[in-house]
C-alpha cells in the first residue's frame, strides 16, 4: 500500500533533520489512496486498503558537523 518516505540528514551530534518527504504510490487498484485505485463501482470499504502503511525513514546524508542547534552550544549549555 502507499506510504510516506522521509529522507533525513544526520549530523555528528546524532540529531537529524528532514531533507525531503514524499508520498510513495503503490500503484495498486485495491488501494483507496493510490492514483491507480479502481474507478469502477465496487465495495471499496470491503475490497480496498483504506489507510497508508506506516511512514518510512531513511538517512540519505551524513554531515561531519553538529546541527545548527548544537553548534551554538558549548559544554552542553
Protein backbone atom coordinates (compact mmCIF):
# COMPACT_ATOMS: atom_id res chain seq x y z
CA UNK A 1 0.00 0.00 0.00
CA UNK A 2 1.02 3.64 -0.23
CA UNK A 3 3.32 5.20 2.36
CA UNK A 4 5.23 8.39 3.14
CA UNK A 5 9.03 8.33 2.79
CA UNK A 6 11.04 10.81 4.85
CA UNK A 7 14.67 11.33 3.83
CA UNK A 8 16.89 12.56 6.65
CA UNK A 9 20.26 14.24 7.09
CA UNK A 10 22.16 13.02 10.15
CA UNK A 11 24.64 15.31 11.94
CA UNK A 12 27.69 14.41 14.04
CA UNK A 13 25.75 15.26 17.23
CA UNK A 14 23.26 12.48 16.40
CA UNK A 15 20.37 14.79 15.56
CA UNK A 16 18.59 14.52 12.23
CA UNK A 17 16.71 16.95 10.05
CA UNK A 18 14.18 16.30 7.33
CA UNK A 19 15.72 16.78 3.91
CA UNK A 20 12.69 15.68 1.89
CA UNK A 21 9.31 14.00 2.27
CA UNK A 22 7.29 12.32 -0.43
CA UNK A 23 4.33 10.04 -0.81
CA UNK A 24 5.13 6.72 -2.46
CA UNK A 25 2.25 5.39 -4.54
CA UNK A 26 1.83 1.60 -4.51
CA UNK A 27 0.02 1.71 -7.87
CA UNK A 28 -2.47 -0.92 -6.72
CA UNK A 29 -6.07 -0.82 -7.81
CA UNK A 30 -7.22 -2.09 -4.40
CA UNK A 31 -5.68 0.85 -2.50
CA UNK A 32 -8.06 3.76 -1.93
CA UNK A 33 -5.14 6.20 -1.67
CA UNK A 34 -3.36 5.16 -4.87
CA UNK A 35 -3.69 7.03 -8.14
CA UNK A 36 -4.36 3.58 -9.64
CA UNK A 37 -7.42 2.99 -7.42
CA UNK A 38 -10.24 1.19 -9.22
CA UNK A 39 -12.57 3.90 -10.58
CA UNK A 40 -15.36 1.42 -11.32
CA UNK A 41 -18.26 0.84 -8.90
CA UNK A 42 -17.17 -1.60 -6.20
CA UNK A 43 -17.39 -2.17 -2.43
CA UNK A 44 -14.36 -0.04 -1.61
CA UNK A 45 -14.68 -0.39 2.18
CA UNK A 46 -14.57 -4.18 1.93
CA UNK A 47 -12.19 -4.65 -1.01
CA UNK A 48 -9.63 -1.86 -0.73
CA UNK A 49 -6.97 -0.79 1.75
CA UNK A 50 -8.20 2.36 3.48
CA UNK A 51 -5.00 3.58 5.15
CA UNK A 52 -1.41 4.24 4.27
CA UNK A 53 1.33 1.99 5.62
CA UNK A 54 3.50 3.34 8.43
CA UNK A 55 5.86 6.15 7.49
CA UNK A 56 9.35 5.03 6.47
CA UNK A 57 12.53 6.99 7.16
CA UNK A 58 15.97 6.70 5.62
CA UNK A 59 19.20 8.59 6.30
CA UNK A 60 20.32 9.88 2.92
CA UNK A 61 23.21 12.07 4.03
CA UNK A 62 25.59 12.36 6.96
CA UNK A 63 27.30 15.58 7.94
CA UNK A 64 30.53 15.69 9.97
CA UNK A 65 29.37 18.79 11.85
CA UNK A 66 26.77 19.24 14.60
CA UNK A 67 23.32 20.56 13.74
CA UNK A 68 22.69 24.31 13.98
CA UNK A 69 21.04 23.88 17.36
CA UNK A 70 24.03 22.05 18.86
CA UNK A 71 26.66 24.13 17.05
CA UNK A 72 25.67 27.19 19.08
CA UNK A 73 26.17 25.40 22.42
CA UNK A 74 29.41 24.65 24.22
CA UNK A 75 29.84 22.41 27.25
CA UNK A 76 26.21 21.34 26.95
CA UNK A 77 24.78 24.82 27.63
